[in-house]
Amino acid sequence: MTRRKRKPRPCAAPTMVLIQITHLELHERLSVQAFVGGWANTEHFDNLADCHDLLNLAAADKRDQATLEVCDISGIALFNIKDRYAETGRFGVTGEEHKALELLADTSKDFWSRQAGTFFHQTYMALKRLRAIQKEKRAQEKAA
C-alpha cells in the first residue's frame, strides 16, 4: 500500500465568518461613500463608529499597534465629523477625514479576515455590552 503525500491547504476563514466580514465591509464602504457623496445620516455615522470601536477593542486585545494607530487617526476624524454635525446639523467630511475613513474600512477588512470567527463574536458581544452600558448611562443622565 502506497501512501499519498498530503498537500497543505491554504488557510481560509470559515464560510460564516467570510459572510459576516463581507456584510460588515459592505456597510462600512457604503457609509464612507455616503459621507463623501453628502447624503450621510446618523445610521452611516453609527456604522463607522461601531466599525471603529469594534476594531479598537480587538486591536487592543491583540496588542496590534499598527491597527491601534489607525483607530486613533479614524477616531479623530469621527469626533470631528460628530462635532461638525452638532454645529451644523449636517454630515460632511474633509479630504483628510475621507482618507481616514477609507483607511479604517481597509484596515477593518484586513484585520478581521486574519482573525478567528470566535474572536470576532466575542469582540462583537463585548461591544454590545459596552453600548448597553453607554445607553443606560445616558438615560440616567437625562433623568437626573
Protein backbone atom coordinates (compact mmCIF):
# COMPACT_ATOMS: atom_id res chain seq x y z
CA MET A 1 0.00 0.00 0.00
CA THR A 2 1.49 3.30 -1.03
CA ARG A 3 0.87 6.43 0.92
CA ARG A 4 -0.02 9.63 -0.81
CA LYS A 5 1.61 12.81 0.19
CA ARG A 6 -0.77 15.28 1.69
CA LYS A 7 -0.81 18.69 0.18
CA PRO A 8 -1.26 21.52 2.66
CA ARG A 9 -4.32 23.62 2.03
CA PRO A 10 -4.09 27.37 2.29
CA CYS A 11 -5.60 28.75 5.44
CA ALA A 12 -9.02 30.29 4.89
CA ALA A 13 -11.69 31.76 7.11
CA PRO A 14 -14.82 29.67 7.66
CA THR A 15 -17.75 30.47 5.38
CA MET A 16 -19.89 32.09 8.07
CA VAL A 17 -17.03 34.37 9.07
CA LEU A 18 -16.49 35.37 5.45
CA ILE A 19 -20.19 36.13 5.05
CA GLN A 20 -20.19 38.29 8.18
CA ILE A 21 -16.99 40.10 7.15
CA THR A 22 -18.42 40.74 3.67
CA HIS A 23 -21.66 42.07 5.19
CA LEU A 24 -19.77 44.39 7.54
CA GLU A 25 -17.44 45.56 4.81
CA LEU A 26 -20.38 46.43 2.58
CA HIS A 27 -21.94 48.58 5.33
CA GLU A 28 -18.62 50.24 6.11
CA ARG A 29 -17.87 51.05 2.46
CA LEU A 30 -21.40 52.30 1.88
CA SER A 31 -21.13 54.53 4.94
CA VAL A 32 -17.84 56.02 3.76
CA GLN A 33 -19.35 56.74 0.36
CA ALA A 34 -22.39 58.34 1.99
CA PHE A 35 -20.12 60.86 3.69
CA VAL A 36 -18.19 61.55 0.52
CA GLY A 37 -21.41 61.89 -1.50
CA GLY A 38 -23.01 64.22 1.01
CA TRP A 39 -26.02 62.00 1.78
CA ALA A 40 -24.83 60.51 5.08
CA ASN A 41 -27.18 60.20 8.03
CA THR A 42 -26.86 59.04 11.64
CA GLU A 43 -27.06 55.38 10.60
CA HIS A 44 -23.95 55.80 8.43
CA PHE A 45 -22.14 57.53 11.27
CA ASP A 46 -23.16 54.78 13.71
CA ASN A 47 -21.90 52.09 11.28
CA LEU A 48 -18.48 53.71 11.15
CA ALA A 49 -18.42 54.34 14.90
CA ASP A 50 -19.21 50.66 15.50
CA CYS A 51 -16.53 49.66 12.98
CA HIS A 52 -14.03 51.87 14.79
CA ASP A 53 -14.96 50.70 18.28
CA LEU A 54 -15.07 47.01 17.35
CA LEU A 55 -11.67 47.26 15.69
CA ASN A 56 -10.26 49.25 18.60
CA LEU A 57 -11.39 46.65 21.15
CA ALA A 58 -9.96 43.79 19.11
CA ALA A 59 -6.66 45.52 18.32
CA ALA A 60 -6.18 46.38 21.99
CA ASP A 61 -6.78 42.74 22.92
CA LYS A 62 -4.30 41.55 20.29
CA ARG A 63 -1.86 44.40 21.08
CA ASP A 64 -1.78 45.27 17.38
CA GLN A 65 -0.06 48.66 17.48
CA ALA A 66 -0.47 49.46 13.78
CA THR A 67 -4.21 48.87 13.94
CA LEU A 68 -4.48 50.92 17.13
CA GLU A 69 -2.81 53.81 15.33
CA VAL A 70 -5.39 53.57 12.54
CA CYS A 71 -8.10 53.63 15.21
CA ASP A 72 -6.57 56.78 16.70
CA ILE A 73 -6.49 58.53 13.33
CA SER A 74 -10.00 57.49 12.35
CA GLY A 75 -11.28 58.28 15.85
CA ILE A 76 -10.14 61.87 15.46
CA ALA A 77 -11.93 62.06 12.10
CA LEU A 78 -15.13 60.64 13.63
CA PHE A 79 -15.03 63.14 16.50
CA ASN A 80 -14.51 65.98 14.03
CA ILE A 81 -17.49 64.78 11.98
CA LYS A 82 -19.62 64.46 15.12
CA ASP A 83 -18.68 67.97 16.31
CA ARG A 84 -19.42 69.44 12.88
CA TYR A 85 -22.80 67.70 12.84
CA ALA A 86 -23.61 69.13 16.29
CA GLU A 87 -22.83 72.63 14.99
CA THR A 88 -24.44 72.47 11.54
CA GLY A 89 -26.93 69.61 11.66
CA ARG A 90 -25.32 68.12 8.52
CA PHE A 91 -22.75 65.43 7.97
CA GLY A 92 -19.71 66.10 5.84
CA VAL A 93 -16.04 65.24 5.62
CA THR A 94 -12.83 66.97 4.66
CA GLY A 95 -10.33 65.31 2.34
CA GLU A 96 -8.22 64.13 5.27
CA GLU A 97 -11.25 62.75 7.11
CA HIS A 98 -12.27 60.88 3.97
CA LYS A 99 -8.80 59.29 3.80
CA ALA A 100 -9.05 58.34 7.48
CA LEU A 101 -12.45 56.68 6.97
CA GLU A 102 -11.17 54.77 3.92
CA LEU A 103 -8.16 53.65 5.96
CA LEU A 104 -10.50 52.50 8.73
CA ALA A 105 -12.58 50.41 6.31
CA ASP A 106 -9.48 48.91 4.66
CA THR A 107 -7.85 48.10 7.99
CA SER A 108 -11.05 46.58 9.37
CA LYS A 109 -11.38 44.23 6.41
CA ASP A 110 -7.73 43.22 6.59
CA PHE A 111 -7.74 42.76 10.37
CA TRP A 112 -10.93 40.69 10.58
CA SER A 113 -10.00 38.47 7.64
CA ARG A 114 -6.99 37.31 9.70
CA GLN A 115 -8.96 36.53 12.88
CA ALA A 116 -10.94 33.55 14.11
CA GLY A 117 -14.71 33.70 13.97
CA THR A 118 -14.98 33.12 17.71
CA PHE A 119 -12.76 36.15 18.37
CA PHE A 120 -14.99 38.30 16.19
CA HIS A 121 -18.08 37.06 18.03
CA GLN A 122 -16.53 37.68 21.46
CA THR A 123 -15.48 41.18 20.49
CA TYR A 124 -18.87 41.94 18.98
CA MET A 125 -20.61 40.80 22.18
CA ALA A 126 -18.25 42.96 24.26
CA LEU A 127 -19.16 45.95 22.08
CA LYS A 128 -22.88 45.23 22.55
CA ARG A 129 -22.39 45.16 26.33
CA LEU A 130 -20.46 48.43 26.16
CA ARG A 131 -23.22 50.06 24.08
CA ALA A 132 -25.86 48.89 26.59
CA ILE A 133 -23.88 50.45 29.45
CA GLN A 134 -23.49 53.70 27.49
CA LYS A 135 -27.22 53.78 26.74
CA GLU A 136 -28.11 53.19 30.38
CA LYS A 137 -25.70 55.90 31.50
CA ARG A 138 -27.24 58.41 29.04
CA ALA A 139 -30.73 57.53 30.29
CA GLN A 140 -29.64 58.12 33.90
CA GLU A 141 -28.09 61.47 32.97
CA LYS A 142 -31.31 62.55 31.24
CA ALA A 143 -33.37 61.52 34.23
CA ALA A 144 -31.19 63.46 36.67
